[in-house]
Structure formats: C-alpha cells, structure tokens
Amino acid sequence: MKTSEIIRQLVGRALYFKCLTPDIENEINYELTRQGHISDVDYEALELLMAEMDAGRIRLVPSS
C-alpha cells in the first residue's frame, strides 16, 4: 500500500462501516504523525469524515 493512500483508505473504511473505531482512529493518528504532513487529498478525506460524524452518519465507537 502506498503511503499516500493509507489515510484515505482508513477514512474509506470508517465511511464504509459507518463507524470510527479506536483502531482506525489510532492508525490515522499514527500515519499523520509518521508522515509529518498531510496532503490536500488526505485533508479533504478527513474533512469528509468529520462532516459525516457531525451529521450523525458516522458513530464513534468507544474503546472497550
């Protein structure tokens, strides 16, 4: 998997399952920290995820 696609694939997984799990959130945070920057496309993907969460279409799953 190309580095530039990882964040978008993680966001896509959250959108597909309609939930943001702790694992997906941790992987997104890890990639953001590891890359040290965010591309415009990744930023737009994260904006979409946040908008969907704000609208109540994506739920945040608490850690167990």
N, C-alpha and C. Protein backbone atom coordinates (compact mmCIF):
# COMPACT_ATOMS: atom_id res chain seq x y z
N MET A 1 0.86 -1.17 0.00
CA MET A 1 0.00 0.00 0.00
C MET A 1 0.90 1.23 0.00
N LYS A 2 0.61 2.18 -0.89
CA LYS A 2 1.40 3.39 -0.95
C LYS A 2 1.10 4.27 0.26
N THR A 3 2.12 4.93 0.76
CA THR A 3 1.99 5.78 1.93
C THR A 3 0.92 6.84 1.72
N SER A 4 0.87 7.40 0.52
CA SER A 4 -0.08 8.49 0.26
C SER A 4 -1.53 8.03 0.24
N GLU A 5 -1.76 6.75 0.23
CA GLU A 5 -3.13 6.25 0.16
C GLU A 5 -3.66 5.74 1.50
N ILE A 6 -2.81 5.60 2.47
CA ILE A 6 -3.20 4.94 3.72
C ILE A 6 -4.30 5.70 4.44
N ILE A 7 -4.15 7.01 4.61
CA ILE A 7 -5.15 7.78 5.34
C ILE A 7 -6.49 7.73 4.62
N ARG A 8 -6.47 7.88 3.30
CA ARG A 8 -7.73 7.81 2.55
C ARG A 8 -8.38 6.45 2.66
N GLN A 9 -7.60 5.39 2.69
CA GLN A 9 -8.17 4.05 2.83
C GLN A 9 -8.76 3.86 4.23
N LEU A 10 -8.11 4.40 5.24
CA LEU A 10 -8.64 4.31 6.60
C LEU A 10 -9.95 5.09 6.71
N VAL A 11 -9.99 6.28 6.14
CA VAL A 11 -11.23 7.07 6.14
C VAL A 11 -12.31 6.31 5.38
N GLY A 12 -11.94 5.72 4.25
CA GLY A 12 -12.90 4.93 3.48
C GLY A 12 -13.46 3.77 4.28
N ARG A 13 -12.62 3.14 5.07
CA ARG A 13 -13.08 2.03 5.92
C ARG A 13 -14.10 2.53 6.96
N ALA A 14 -13.81 3.68 7.57
CA ALA A 14 -14.74 4.25 8.56
C ALA A 14 -16.07 4.61 7.89
N LEU A 15 -16.00 5.17 6.70
CA LEU A 15 -17.24 5.54 5.98
C LEU A 15 -18.03 4.30 5.58
N TYR A 16 -17.33 3.26 5.15
CA TYR A 16 -17.98 2.02 4.74
C TYR A 16 -18.72 1.36 5.91
N PHE A 17 -18.04 1.28 7.05
CA PHE A 17 -18.64 0.63 8.21
C PHE A 17 -19.53 1.58 9.03
N LYS A 18 -19.52 2.86 8.66
CA LYS A 18 -20.32 3.89 9.34
C LYS A 18 -19.98 4.02 10.82
N CYS A 19 -18.70 3.76 11.12
CA CYS A 19 -18.23 3.97 12.49
C CYS A 19 -16.72 4.20 12.48
N LEU A 20 -16.29 4.99 13.44
CA LEU A 20 -14.87 5.23 13.63
C LEU A 20 -14.45 4.46 14.87
N THR A 21 -13.74 3.39 14.65
CA THR A 21 -13.30 2.55 15.77
C THR A 21 -11.99 3.10 16.33
N PRO A 22 -11.66 2.74 17.56
CA PRO A 22 -10.37 3.16 18.12
C PRO A 22 -9.18 2.71 17.26
N ASP A 23 -9.27 1.53 16.66
CA ASP A 23 -8.19 1.04 15.81
C ASP A 23 -7.98 1.94 14.59
N ILE A 24 -9.08 2.30 13.92
CA ILE A 24 -8.98 3.17 12.75
C ILE A 24 -8.46 4.54 13.16
N GLU A 25 -8.99 5.08 14.25
CA GLU A 25 -8.54 6.38 14.72
C GLU A 25 -7.06 6.36 15.07
N ASN A 26 -6.60 5.31 15.75
CA ASN A 26 -5.19 5.19 16.11
C ASN A 26 -4.30 5.08 14.87
N GLU A 27 -4.76 4.33 13.88
CA GLU A 27 -3.97 4.19 12.65
C GLU A 27 -3.88 5.52 11.91
N ILE A 28 -4.98 6.28 11.86
CA ILE A 28 -4.96 7.61 11.23
C ILE A 28 -3.98 8.51 11.97
N ASN A 29 -4.07 8.54 13.29
CA ASN A 29 -3.16 9.38 14.07
C ASN A 29 -1.70 8.96 13.88
N TYR A 30 -1.45 7.68 13.83
CA TYR A 30 -0.10 7.18 13.62
C TYR A 30 0.44 7.66 12.28
N GLU A 31 -0.37 7.53 11.23
CA GLU A 31 0.08 7.94 9.89
C GLU A 31 0.31 9.44 9.82
N LEU A 32 -0.55 10.21 10.45
CA LEU A 32 -0.35 11.66 10.47
C LEU A 32 0.96 12.02 11.16
N THR A 33 1.26 11.35 12.26
CA THR A 33 2.49 11.60 13.00
C THR A 33 3.70 11.13 12.20
N ARG A 34 3.59 9.96 11.61
CA ARG A 34 4.71 9.38 10.86
C ARG A 34 5.04 10.21 9.63
N GLN A 35 4.02 10.64 8.90
CA GLN A 35 4.25 11.40 7.67
C GLN A 35 4.72 12.82 7.97
N GLY A 36 4.27 13.38 9.07
CA GLY A 36 4.68 14.73 9.43
C GLY A 36 4.01 15.83 8.64
N HIS A 37 3.16 15.47 7.72
CA HIS A 37 2.42 16.45 6.92
C HIS A 37 1.17 15.75 6.40
N ILE A 38 0.29 16.54 5.80
CA ILE A 38 -0.93 15.96 5.24
C ILE A 38 -1.16 16.55 3.86
N SER A 39 -1.45 15.70 2.92
CA SER A 39 -1.71 16.17 1.56
C SER A 39 -3.11 16.79 1.50
N ASP A 40 -3.36 17.54 0.46
CA ASP A 40 -4.67 18.16 0.28
C ASP A 40 -5.77 17.11 0.17
N VAL A 41 -5.47 16.01 -0.51
CA VAL A 41 -6.47 14.95 -0.69
C VAL A 41 -6.77 14.27 0.64
N ASP A 42 -5.74 14.01 1.45
CA ASP A 42 -5.96 13.41 2.76
C ASP A 42 -6.74 14.36 3.66
N TYR A 43 -6.42 15.65 3.57
CA TYR A 43 -7.13 16.66 4.37
C TYR A 43 -8.61 16.66 4.01
N GLU A 44 -8.92 16.61 2.72
CA GLU A 44 -10.31 16.57 2.28
C GLU A 44 -11.01 15.31 2.77
N ALA A 45 -10.31 14.19 2.76
CA ALA A 45 -10.90 12.93 3.25
C ALA A 45 -11.22 13.04 4.73
N LEU A 46 -10.31 13.62 5.51
CA LEU A 46 -10.56 13.79 6.94
C LEU A 46 -11.68 14.79 7.20
N GLU A 47 -11.76 15.84 6.37
CA GLU A 47 -12.88 16.78 6.49
C GLU A 47 -14.21 16.09 6.24
N LEU A 48 -14.25 15.23 5.24
CA LEU A 48 -15.47 14.48 4.94
C LEU A 48 -15.84 13.58 6.12
N LEU A 49 -14.87 12.90 6.69
CA LEU A 49 -15.13 12.04 7.84
C LEU A 49 -15.70 12.85 9.00
N MET A 50 -15.11 13.99 9.29
CA MET A 50 -15.59 14.83 10.39
C MET A 50 -17.00 15.37 10.10
N ALA A 51 -17.27 15.75 8.86
CA ALA A 51 -18.60 16.23 8.49
C ALA A 51 -19.65 15.13 8.67
N GLU A 52 -19.29 13.92 8.28
CA GLU A 52 -20.21 12.79 8.42
C GLU A 52 -20.46 12.49 9.90
N MET A 53 -19.43 12.62 10.72
CA MET A 53 -19.59 12.40 12.15
C MET A 53 -20.47 13.50 12.76
N ASP A 54 -20.23 14.75 12.36
CA ASP A 54 -21.04 15.87 12.86
C ASP A 54 -22.51 15.71 12.47
N ALA A 55 -22.76 15.14 11.30
CA ALA A 55 -24.12 14.94 10.82
C ALA A 55 -24.77 13.71 11.45
N GLY A 56 -24.00 12.94 12.20
CA GLY A 56 -24.55 11.76 12.86
C GLY A 56 -24.61 10.52 12.00
N ARG A 57 -23.97 10.56 10.83
CA ARG A 57 -24.00 9.38 9.94
C ARG A 57 -22.86 8.41 10.22
N ILE A 58 -21.88 8.87 10.98
CA ILE A 58 -20.76 8.02 11.40
C ILE A 58 -20.71 8.08 12.92
N ARG A 59 -20.68 6.93 13.56
CA ARG A 59 -20.64 6.95 15.02
C ARG A 59 -19.23 6.63 15.49
N LEU A 60 -18.91 7.20 16.62
CA LEU A 60 -17.62 6.94 17.26
C LEU A 60 -17.79 5.77 18.21
N VAL A 61 -17.05 4.72 17.98
CA VAL A 61 -17.14 3.53 18.82
C VAL A 61 -16.14 3.68 19.96
N PRO A 62 -16.62 3.63 21.20
CA PRO A 62 -15.69 3.77 22.34
C PRO A 62 -14.79 2.55 22.45
N SER A 63 -13.62 2.77 23.02
CA SER A 63 -12.72 1.62 23.24
C SER A 63 -13.29 0.77 24.38
N SER A 64 -13.02 -0.50 24.29
CA SER A 64 -13.60 -1.41 25.30
C SER A 64 -12.72 -1.56 26.50
